Amino acid sequence: MSAFIAPPSRIPLLLRIGLWISRRVTGEDLLPARLLTWYPRAAVGIGALESLVAHDEGRVDARMLQFVRMAVSFAVECPFCMGFNSREWEKRMTERELLGVQGRAPLEQIPSFSPRERLAIDYARKISATPLSLTPEFGARLRELFTEREIVVLATTAAQVNLWARTIQALGCPPQG
């Protein structure tokens, strides 16, 4: 299976450097990154956004951020994203937690999730739904458990995965690996 289009045969030097950096960071030669080189502005813009991705932001730690990325990937049913964002899941979660993040087990029935983790996963799913439906009551729950900065980190992490998921799906990229 291949994408709707092939990567260009000639890629400008600046973008080749960007692809090299991407390979160094991810350990993979990512097809979506190569396809974006057809439109250098998109490649540079999304590359810049990706370079600023949250990794471990205090109480919104790497574990919670992986939950958010995976929850979005499964919510929008992006096979490429599911595979990419689930890499090394076993280092941060149990099999039961994996089922919860995937939406295959109720979050409230997984005692190892903290209330903050449950809410972050729920928030990621809500952000990924169409139409978006966030109530004032849900906003109040967020403010009870997260600071303003933490809410922005969660929202932008989910939005970033949504951007990638929609771009990857729109280009017809198959799962990688």
N, C-alpha and C. Protein backbone atom coordinates (compact mmCIF):
# COMPACT_ATOMS: atom_id res chain seq x y z
N MET A 1 0.85 -1.17 0.00
CA MET A 1 0.00 0.00 0.00
C MET A 1 0.89 1.24 0.00
N SER A 2 0.51 2.24 -0.77
CA SER A 2 1.30 3.47 -0.80
C SER A 2 0.38 4.67 -0.66
N ALA A 3 0.98 5.81 -0.45
CA ALA A 3 0.22 7.06 -0.32
C ALA A 3 -0.39 7.43 -1.67
N PHE A 4 -1.26 8.42 -1.66
CA PHE A 4 -1.90 8.89 -2.88
C PHE A 4 -0.89 9.45 -3.87
N ILE A 5 0.22 9.98 -3.34
CA ILE A 5 1.26 10.58 -4.18
C ILE A 5 2.61 10.05 -3.72
N ALA A 6 3.60 10.17 -4.57
CA ALA A 6 4.97 9.79 -4.22
C ALA A 6 5.73 11.05 -3.80
N PRO A 7 6.76 10.89 -2.99
CA PRO A 7 7.59 12.05 -2.64
C PRO A 7 8.27 12.58 -3.91
N PRO A 8 8.61 13.86 -3.91
CA PRO A 8 9.32 14.39 -5.08
C PRO A 8 10.68 13.73 -5.24
N SER A 9 11.13 13.63 -6.48
CA SER A 9 12.43 13.02 -6.72
C SER A 9 13.57 13.96 -6.35
N ARG A 10 13.32 15.26 -6.40
CA ARG A 10 14.34 16.26 -6.02
C ARG A 10 13.80 17.09 -4.87
N ILE A 11 14.54 17.09 -3.78
CA ILE A 11 14.13 17.83 -2.58
C ILE A 11 15.17 18.90 -2.32
N PRO A 12 14.74 20.15 -2.11
CA PRO A 12 15.68 21.24 -1.85
C PRO A 12 16.57 20.94 -0.63
N LEU A 13 17.78 21.46 -0.65
CA LEU A 13 18.77 21.21 0.39
C LEU A 13 18.24 21.49 1.79
N LEU A 14 17.60 22.64 2.00
CA LEU A 14 17.09 23.00 3.33
C LEU A 14 16.12 21.93 3.83
N LEU A 15 15.27 21.45 2.95
CA LEU A 15 14.31 20.43 3.36
C LEU A 15 14.98 19.08 3.57
N ARG A 16 16.04 18.78 2.82
CA ARG A 16 16.79 17.54 3.05
C ARG A 16 17.42 17.57 4.44
N ILE A 17 17.88 18.74 4.85
CA ILE A 17 18.44 18.89 6.21
C ILE A 17 17.35 18.63 7.24
N GLY A 18 16.17 19.18 6.99
CA GLY A 18 15.03 18.95 7.89
C GLY A 18 14.66 17.47 7.98
N LEU A 19 14.69 16.78 6.85
CA LEU A 19 14.39 15.34 6.84
C LEU A 19 15.46 14.57 7.61
N TRP A 20 16.72 14.98 7.48
CA TRP A 20 17.80 14.35 8.22
C TRP A 20 17.57 14.52 9.73
N ILE A 21 17.20 15.74 10.14
CA ILE A 21 16.92 15.99 11.56
C ILE A 21 15.76 15.12 12.02
N SER A 22 14.72 15.03 11.23
CA SER A 22 13.56 14.21 11.56
C SER A 22 13.97 12.75 11.76
N ARG A 23 14.82 12.23 10.88
CA ARG A 23 15.30 10.85 11.01
C ARG A 23 16.11 10.67 12.29
N ARG A 24 16.93 11.65 12.62
CA ARG A 24 17.74 11.57 13.84
C ARG A 24 16.86 11.55 15.09
N VAL A 25 15.82 12.38 15.10
CA VAL A 25 14.95 12.49 16.26
C VAL A 25 14.04 11.26 16.41
N THR A 26 13.45 10.82 15.31
CA THR A 26 12.47 9.73 15.37
C THR A 26 13.07 8.35 15.15
N GLY A 27 14.24 8.30 14.54
CA GLY A 27 14.84 7.03 14.20
C GLY A 27 14.21 6.40 12.97
N GLU A 28 13.37 7.14 12.27
CA GLU A 28 12.67 6.61 11.10
C GLU A 28 12.67 7.63 9.97
N ASP A 29 12.59 7.12 8.75
CA ASP A 29 12.42 7.96 7.57
C ASP A 29 10.92 8.04 7.33
N LEU A 30 10.30 9.14 7.75
CA LEU A 30 8.85 9.25 7.75
C LEU A 30 8.30 9.73 6.41
N LEU A 31 7.43 8.92 5.82
CA LEU A 31 6.82 9.26 4.55
C LEU A 31 6.08 10.60 4.58
N PRO A 32 5.27 10.89 5.62
CA PRO A 32 4.57 12.19 5.61
C PRO A 32 5.52 13.38 5.51
N ALA A 33 6.65 13.30 6.17
CA ALA A 33 7.61 14.41 6.11
C ALA A 33 8.14 14.57 4.69
N ARG A 34 8.42 13.46 4.03
CA ARG A 34 8.91 13.54 2.64
C ARG A 34 7.83 14.07 1.70
N LEU A 35 6.59 13.68 1.92
CA LEU A 35 5.50 14.18 1.06
C LEU A 35 5.30 15.69 1.22
N LEU A 36 5.49 16.18 2.42
CA LEU A 36 5.31 17.62 2.66
C LEU A 36 6.31 18.46 1.87
N THR A 37 7.40 17.86 1.42
CA THR A 37 8.39 18.65 0.67
C THR A 37 7.88 19.09 -0.69
N TRP A 38 6.74 18.57 -1.12
CA TRP A 38 6.12 19.10 -2.34
C TRP A 38 5.73 20.56 -2.15
N TYR A 39 5.43 20.94 -0.92
CA TYR A 39 5.05 22.33 -0.63
C TYR A 39 5.95 22.81 0.52
N PRO A 40 7.10 23.40 0.21
CA PRO A 40 8.08 23.76 1.23
C PRO A 40 7.53 24.58 2.39
N ARG A 41 6.59 25.48 2.14
CA ARG A 41 6.05 26.27 3.26
C ARG A 41 5.36 25.38 4.28
N ALA A 42 4.61 24.39 3.81
CA ALA A 42 3.96 23.46 4.73
C ALA A 42 5.01 22.63 5.47
N ALA A 43 6.02 22.17 4.75
CA ALA A 43 7.07 21.36 5.37
C ALA A 43 7.79 22.14 6.47
N VAL A 44 8.14 23.38 6.18
CA VAL A 44 8.84 24.20 7.17
C VAL A 44 7.92 24.54 8.34
N GLY A 45 6.68 24.91 8.04
CA GLY A 45 5.73 25.28 9.10
C GLY A 45 5.43 24.12 10.05
N ILE A 46 5.11 22.97 9.48
CA ILE A 46 4.80 21.82 10.32
C ILE A 46 6.07 21.33 11.02
N GLY A 47 7.21 21.42 10.34
CA GLY A 47 8.47 21.04 10.97
C GLY A 47 8.79 21.92 12.17
N ALA A 48 8.56 23.22 12.02
CA ALA A 48 8.80 24.14 13.15
C ALA A 48 7.86 23.82 14.31
N LEU A 49 6.60 23.57 14.00
CA LEU A 49 5.63 23.21 15.03
C LEU A 49 6.07 21.92 15.74
N GLU A 50 6.50 20.95 14.96
CA GLU A 50 6.92 19.67 15.54
C GLU A 50 8.15 19.83 16.43
N SER A 51 9.03 20.74 16.09
CA SER A 51 10.24 20.93 16.90
C SER A 51 9.91 21.51 18.28
N LEU A 52 8.72 22.06 18.43
CA LEU A 52 8.32 22.67 19.70
C LEU A 52 7.35 21.80 20.50
N VAL A 53 7.18 20.54 20.10
CA VAL A 53 6.25 19.64 20.77
C VAL A 53 6.62 19.47 22.24
N ALA A 54 5.59 19.36 23.08
CA ALA A 54 5.80 19.16 24.51
C ALA A 54 6.30 17.74 24.77
N HIS A 55 7.29 17.62 25.66
CA HIS A 55 7.83 16.29 25.99
C HIS A 55 7.62 15.94 27.45
N ASP A 56 7.84 16.86 28.33
CA ASP A 56 7.71 16.62 29.76
C ASP A 56 7.59 17.99 30.40
N GLU A 57 6.37 18.36 30.71
CA GLU A 57 6.10 19.72 31.19
C GLU A 57 5.62 19.69 32.63
N GLY A 58 6.51 19.37 33.54
CA GLY A 58 6.16 19.35 34.95
C GLY A 58 5.16 18.26 35.27
N ARG A 59 4.00 18.65 35.77
CA ARG A 59 2.98 17.66 36.14
C ARG A 59 2.29 17.06 34.91
N VAL A 60 2.46 17.67 33.75
CA VAL A 60 2.01 17.05 32.50
C VAL A 60 3.26 16.34 31.96
N ASP A 61 3.47 15.15 32.49
CA ASP A 61 4.71 14.43 32.21
C ASP A 61 4.63 13.63 30.91
N ALA A 62 5.73 12.98 30.59
CA ALA A 62 5.81 12.22 29.34
C ALA A 62 4.74 11.13 29.27
N ARG A 63 4.44 10.51 30.38
CA ARG A 63 3.39 9.47 30.42
C ARG A 63 2.04 10.07 30.02
N MET A 64 1.65 11.16 30.64
CA MET A 64 0.37 11.78 30.33
C MET A 64 0.32 12.27 28.89
N LEU A 65 1.42 12.84 28.41
CA LEU A 65 1.45 13.32 27.03
C LEU A 65 1.33 12.17 26.04
N GLN A 66 1.92 11.01 26.36
CA GLN A 66 1.74 9.87 25.47
C GLN A 66 0.28 9.40 25.50
N PHE A 67 -0.35 9.44 26.67
CA PHE A 67 -1.78 9.10 26.74
C PHE A 67 -2.57 10.01 25.81
N VAL A 68 -2.28 11.30 25.86
CA VAL A 68 -3.02 12.28 25.03
C VAL A 68 -2.78 11.99 23.55
N ARG A 69 -1.53 11.80 23.16
CA ARG A 69 -1.22 11.54 21.75
C ARG A 69 -1.90 10.27 21.26
N MET A 70 -1.85 9.23 22.08
CA MET A 70 -2.47 7.98 21.68
C MET A 70 -3.99 8.09 21.65
N ALA A 71 -4.57 8.77 22.63
CA ALA A 71 -6.03 8.92 22.67
C ALA A 71 -6.52 9.63 21.41
N VAL A 72 -5.81 10.67 21.00
CA VAL A 72 -6.18 11.38 19.76
C VAL A 72 -6.03 10.45 18.57
N SER A 73 -4.93 9.74 18.47
CA SER A 73 -4.67 8.85 17.35
C SER A 73 -5.79 7.83 17.18
N PHE A 74 -6.25 7.26 18.29
CA PHE A 74 -7.32 6.27 18.22
C PHE A 74 -8.68 6.94 17.99
N ALA A 75 -8.89 8.12 18.56
CA ALA A 75 -10.16 8.82 18.38
C ALA A 75 -10.41 9.19 16.92
N VAL A 76 -9.34 9.58 16.22
CA VAL A 76 -9.50 9.98 14.81
C VAL A 76 -9.20 8.84 13.85
N GLU A 77 -8.93 7.65 14.42
CA GLU A 77 -8.73 6.43 13.63
C GLU A 77 -7.67 6.59 12.55
N CYS A 78 -6.49 7.08 12.97
CA CYS A 78 -5.36 7.26 12.05
C CYS A 78 -4.35 6.13 12.30
N PRO A 79 -4.35 5.08 11.45
CA PRO A 79 -3.43 3.96 11.69
C PRO A 79 -1.96 4.37 11.77
N PHE A 80 -1.52 5.27 10.92
CA PHE A 80 -0.13 5.73 10.98
C PHE A 80 0.14 6.34 12.35
N CYS A 81 -0.75 7.22 12.80
CA CYS A 81 -0.58 7.91 14.09
C CYS A 81 -0.63 6.93 15.26
N MET A 82 -1.54 5.94 15.16
CA MET A 82 -1.64 4.93 16.22
C MET A 82 -0.29 4.24 16.40
N GLY A 83 0.30 3.82 15.30
CA GLY A 83 1.59 3.14 15.37
C GLY A 83 2.69 4.04 15.88
N PHE A 84 2.76 5.24 15.33
CA PHE A 84 3.84 6.16 15.68
C PHE A 84 3.73 6.60 17.15
N ASN A 85 2.55 7.00 17.58
CA ASN A 85 2.38 7.52 18.93
C ASN A 85 2.30 6.44 20.00
N SER A 86 2.19 5.18 19.58
CA SER A 86 2.15 4.07 20.54
C SER A 86 3.51 3.39 20.71
N ARG A 87 4.52 3.90 20.01
CA ARG A 87 5.84 3.29 20.13
C ARG A 87 6.27 3.24 21.59
N GLU A 88 6.78 2.10 21.99
CA GLU A 88 7.29 1.88 23.35
C GLU A 88 6.25 2.16 24.43
N TRP A 89 4.98 1.92 24.11
CA TRP A 89 3.91 2.16 25.08
C TRP A 89 4.14 1.38 26.37
N GLU A 90 4.73 0.19 26.25
CA GLU A 90 4.90 -0.68 27.41
C GLU A 90 5.86 -0.10 28.45
N LYS A 91 6.61 0.92 28.08
CA LYS A 91 7.50 1.57 29.04
C LYS A 91 6.75 2.54 29.95
N ARG A 92 5.55 2.96 29.53
CA ARG A 92 4.83 3.98 30.29
C ARG A 92 3.47 3.53 30.80
N MET A 93 2.98 2.37 30.35
CA MET A 93 1.64 1.97 30.77
C MET A 93 1.49 0.46 30.77
N THR A 94 0.45 0.04 31.47
CA THR A 94 0.12 -1.38 31.51
C THR A 94 -0.78 -1.73 30.33
N GLU A 95 -0.98 -3.03 30.12
CA GLU A 95 -1.88 -3.46 29.05
C GLU A 95 -3.30 -2.98 29.31
N ARG A 96 -3.72 -2.98 30.55
CA ARG A 96 -5.08 -2.49 30.91
C ARG A 96 -5.19 -0.99 30.59
N GLU A 97 -4.16 -0.24 30.92
CA GLU A 97 -4.16 1.20 30.61
C GLU A 97 -4.20 1.41 29.10
N LEU A 98 -3.47 0.58 28.36
CA LEU A 98 -3.49 0.69 26.90
C LEU A 98 -4.91 0.53 26.38
N LEU A 99 -5.64 -0.44 26.90
CA LEU A 99 -7.03 -0.64 26.48
C LEU A 99 -7.87 0.61 26.78
N GLY A 100 -7.61 1.24 27.91
CA GLY A 100 -8.34 2.46 28.27
C GLY A 100 -8.03 3.60 27.32
N VAL A 101 -6.76 3.79 27.02
CA VAL A 101 -6.36 4.86 26.11
C VAL A 101 -6.95 4.64 24.72
N GLN A 102 -7.01 3.37 24.31
CA GLN A 102 -7.56 3.03 23.01
C GLN A 102 -9.08 3.17 22.97
N GLY A 103 -9.71 3.33 24.13
CA GLY A 103 -11.17 3.43 24.18
C GLY A 103 -11.84 2.07 24.24
N ARG A 104 -11.09 1.04 24.56
CA ARG A 104 -11.64 -0.32 24.59
C ARG A 104 -11.97 -0.78 26.00
N ALA A 105 -11.69 0.06 27.00
CA ALA A 105 -12.05 -0.21 28.39
C ALA A 105 -12.40 1.13 29.04
N PRO A 106 -13.43 1.15 29.89
CA PRO A 106 -13.81 2.41 30.55
C PRO A 106 -12.68 2.94 31.45
N LEU A 107 -12.37 4.20 31.30
CA LEU A 107 -11.28 4.81 32.08
C LEU A 107 -11.50 4.69 33.58
N GLU A 108 -12.76 4.85 33.99
CA GLU A 108 -13.05 4.82 35.43
C GLU A 108 -12.86 3.43 36.04
N GLN A 109 -12.73 2.40 35.21
CA GLN A 109 -12.52 1.05 35.71
C GLN A 109 -11.04 0.66 35.74
N ILE A 110 -10.17 1.64 35.52
CA ILE A 110 -8.73 1.38 35.55
C ILE A 110 -8.15 2.18 36.70
N PRO A 111 -8.00 1.55 37.87
CA PRO A 111 -7.59 2.28 39.07
C PRO A 111 -6.18 2.87 39.00
N SER A 112 -5.34 2.36 38.11
CA SER A 112 -3.97 2.89 38.03
C SER A 112 -3.91 4.26 37.37
N PHE A 113 -4.97 4.67 36.68
CA PHE A 113 -5.02 6.03 36.14
C PHE A 113 -5.33 7.00 37.27
N SER A 114 -4.61 8.09 37.32
CA SER A 114 -4.94 9.14 38.28
C SER A 114 -6.14 9.93 37.74
N PRO A 115 -6.82 10.68 38.60
CA PRO A 115 -7.92 11.52 38.11
C PRO A 115 -7.45 12.50 37.01
N ARG A 116 -6.24 13.02 37.15
CA ARG A 116 -5.71 13.93 36.13
C ARG A 116 -5.49 13.21 34.80
N GLU A 117 -4.97 11.98 34.86
CA GLU A 117 -4.75 11.22 33.63
C GLU A 117 -6.07 10.91 32.94
N ARG A 118 -7.07 10.50 33.72
CA ARG A 118 -8.39 10.22 33.14
C ARG A 118 -8.95 11.45 32.44
N LEU A 119 -8.84 12.59 33.12
CA LEU A 119 -9.39 13.82 32.54
C LEU A 119 -8.60 14.24 31.30
N ALA A 120 -7.29 14.07 31.31
CA ALA A 120 -6.47 14.43 30.14
C ALA A 120 -6.86 13.57 28.94
N ILE A 121 -7.08 12.29 29.16
CA ILE A 121 -7.49 11.40 28.07
C ILE A 121 -8.87 11.79 27.56
N ASP A 122 -9.79 12.06 28.47
CA ASP A 122 -11.14 12.48 28.08
C ASP A 122 -11.08 13.79 27.30
N TYR A 123 -10.26 14.72 27.75
CA TYR A 123 -10.09 16.01 27.06
C TYR A 123 -9.56 15.80 25.65
N ALA A 124 -8.56 14.94 25.50
CA ALA A 124 -7.99 14.66 24.18
C ALA A 124 -9.06 14.10 23.24
N ARG A 125 -9.89 13.22 23.76
CA ARG A 125 -10.97 12.66 22.94
C ARG A 125 -11.98 13.72 22.55
N LYS A 126 -12.35 14.56 23.50
CA LYS A 126 -13.33 15.61 23.21
C LYS A 126 -12.79 16.61 22.18
N ILE A 127 -11.52 16.96 22.28
CA ILE A 127 -10.90 17.88 21.34
C ILE A 127 -10.89 17.29 19.93
N SER A 128 -10.87 15.96 19.85
CA SER A 128 -10.76 15.28 18.57
C SER A 128 -12.11 14.96 17.94
N ALA A 129 -13.17 15.20 18.66
CA ALA A 129 -14.51 14.88 18.15
C ALA A 129 -15.01 15.98 17.23
N THR A 130 -15.89 15.59 16.32
CA THR A 130 -16.55 16.55 15.45
C THR A 130 -18.03 16.29 15.56
N PRO A 131 -18.82 17.31 15.91
CA PRO A 131 -18.40 18.66 16.26
C PRO A 131 -17.79 18.69 17.67
N LEU A 132 -16.99 19.69 17.88
CA LEU A 132 -16.37 19.90 19.19
C LEU A 132 -17.46 20.25 20.19
N SER A 133 -17.43 19.60 21.33
CA SER A 133 -18.47 19.84 22.33
C SER A 133 -17.85 19.88 23.72
N LEU A 134 -17.47 21.07 24.12
CA LEU A 134 -16.89 21.26 25.45
C LEU A 134 -17.83 22.16 26.25
N THR A 135 -18.33 21.64 27.33
CA THR A 135 -19.29 22.39 28.14
C THR A 135 -18.56 23.26 29.18
N PRO A 136 -19.25 24.26 29.71
CA PRO A 136 -18.66 25.03 30.81
C PRO A 136 -18.33 24.15 32.02
N GLU A 137 -19.15 23.12 32.25
CA GLU A 137 -18.90 22.21 33.37
C GLU A 137 -17.59 21.44 33.15
N PHE A 138 -17.35 21.03 31.91
CA PHE A 138 -16.11 20.33 31.62
C PHE A 138 -14.93 21.28 31.81
N GLY A 139 -15.05 22.53 31.36
CA GLY A 139 -14.01 23.52 31.57
C GLY A 139 -13.71 23.73 33.05
N ALA A 140 -14.75 23.71 33.87
CA ALA A 140 -14.56 23.86 35.31
C ALA A 140 -13.80 22.67 35.88
N ARG A 141 -14.09 21.45 35.40
CA ARG A 141 -13.36 20.26 35.84
C ARG A 141 -11.89 20.38 35.47
N LEU A 142 -11.62 20.86 34.24
CA LEU A 142 -10.23 21.06 33.82
C LEU A 142 -9.51 22.01 34.76
N ARG A 143 -10.16 23.13 35.07
CA ARG A 143 -9.52 24.15 35.92
C ARG A 143 -9.32 23.65 37.35
N GLU A 144 -10.12 22.69 37.79
CA GLU A 144 -9.95 22.11 39.13
C GLU A 144 -8.67 21.29 39.23
N LEU A 145 -8.33 20.59 38.14
CA LEU A 145 -7.20 19.66 38.20
C LEU A 145 -5.94 20.13 37.48
N PHE A 146 -6.07 21.13 36.61
CA PHE A 146 -4.94 21.60 35.83
C PHE A 146 -4.80 23.11 35.93
N THR A 147 -3.55 23.56 35.84
CA THR A 147 -3.31 25.01 35.76
C THR A 147 -3.63 25.48 34.35
N GLU A 148 -3.68 26.78 34.17
CA GLU A 148 -3.92 27.33 32.85
C GLU A 148 -2.86 26.85 31.85
N ARG A 149 -1.62 26.89 32.27
CA ARG A 149 -0.52 26.46 31.40
C ARG A 149 -0.67 24.99 31.02
N GLU A 150 -1.01 24.16 31.99
CA GLU A 150 -1.18 22.74 31.72
C GLU A 150 -2.32 22.48 30.73
N ILE A 151 -3.40 23.24 30.84
CA ILE A 151 -4.51 23.10 29.90
C ILE A 151 -4.05 23.45 28.49
N VAL A 152 -3.25 24.49 28.36
CA VAL A 152 -2.73 24.87 27.04
C VAL A 152 -1.82 23.77 26.50
N VAL A 153 -0.97 23.19 27.35
CA VAL A 153 -0.09 22.10 26.91
C VAL A 153 -0.93 20.92 26.41
N LEU A 154 -1.95 20.54 27.14
CA LEU A 154 -2.81 19.43 26.73
C LEU A 154 -3.55 19.74 25.43
N ALA A 155 -4.11 20.95 25.36
CA ALA A 155 -4.88 21.33 24.17
C ALA A 155 -4.01 21.37 22.93
N THR A 156 -2.83 21.96 23.03
CA THR A 156 -1.98 22.08 21.85
C THR A 156 -1.35 20.74 21.47
N THR A 157 -1.09 19.87 22.44
CA THR A 157 -0.58 18.53 22.12
C THR A 157 -1.64 17.77 21.34
N ALA A 158 -2.88 17.80 21.81
CA ALA A 158 -3.97 17.11 21.10
C ALA A 158 -4.18 17.73 19.72
N ALA A 159 -4.13 19.04 19.63
CA ALA A 159 -4.33 19.71 18.34
C ALA A 159 -3.22 19.35 17.37
N GLN A 160 -2.01 19.24 17.87
CA GLN A 160 -0.88 18.90 17.00
C GLN A 160 -1.04 17.50 16.42
N VAL A 161 -1.47 16.55 17.24
CA VAL A 161 -1.70 15.20 16.73
C VAL A 161 -2.86 15.21 15.73
N ASN A 162 -3.88 16.01 16.01
CA ASN A 162 -4.99 16.13 15.06
C ASN A 162 -4.52 16.69 13.72
N LEU A 163 -3.64 17.68 13.75
CA LEU A 163 -3.09 18.24 12.51
C LEU A 163 -2.37 17.14 11.72
N TRP A 164 -1.48 16.42 12.40
CA TRP A 164 -0.75 15.35 11.73
C TRP A 164 -1.70 14.28 11.21
N ALA A 165 -2.67 13.88 12.03
CA ALA A 165 -3.60 12.82 11.63
C ALA A 165 -4.37 13.21 10.38
N ARG A 166 -4.88 14.41 10.36
CA ARG A 166 -5.65 14.85 9.19
C ARG A 166 -4.76 14.98 7.96
N THR A 167 -3.55 15.47 8.13
CA THR A 167 -2.62 15.60 7.00
C THR A 167 -2.24 14.22 6.48
N ILE A 168 -1.89 13.32 7.38
CA ILE A 168 -1.48 11.97 7.00
C ILE A 168 -2.62 11.24 6.29
N GLN A 169 -3.83 11.36 6.84
CA GLN A 169 -4.97 10.70 6.22
C GLN A 169 -5.31 11.33 4.87
N ALA A 170 -5.20 12.65 4.78
CA ALA A 170 -5.51 13.34 3.53
C ALA A 170 -4.53 12.97 2.41
N LEU A 171 -3.30 12.61 2.78
CA LEU A 171 -2.30 12.21 1.80
C LEU A 171 -2.31 10.69 1.55
N GLY A 172 -3.15 9.97 2.29
CA GLY A 172 -3.27 8.54 2.08
C GLY A 172 -2.09 7.74 2.58
N CYS A 173 -1.37 8.25 3.57
CA CYS A 173 -0.18 7.54 4.07
C CYS A 173 -0.58 6.26 4.79
N PRO A 174 0.03 5.15 4.42
CA PRO A 174 -0.25 3.89 5.13
C PRO A 174 0.49 3.87 6.47
N PRO A 175 0.12 2.95 7.34
CA PRO A 175 0.88 2.81 8.59
C PRO A 175 2.35 2.51 8.27
N GLN A 176 3.21 2.93 9.16
CA GLN A 176 4.65 2.74 8.94
C GLN A 176 5.16 1.68 9.89
N GLY A 177 6.03 0.81 9.40
CA GLY A 177 6.66 -0.19 10.25
C GLY A 177 5.79 -1.39 10.50
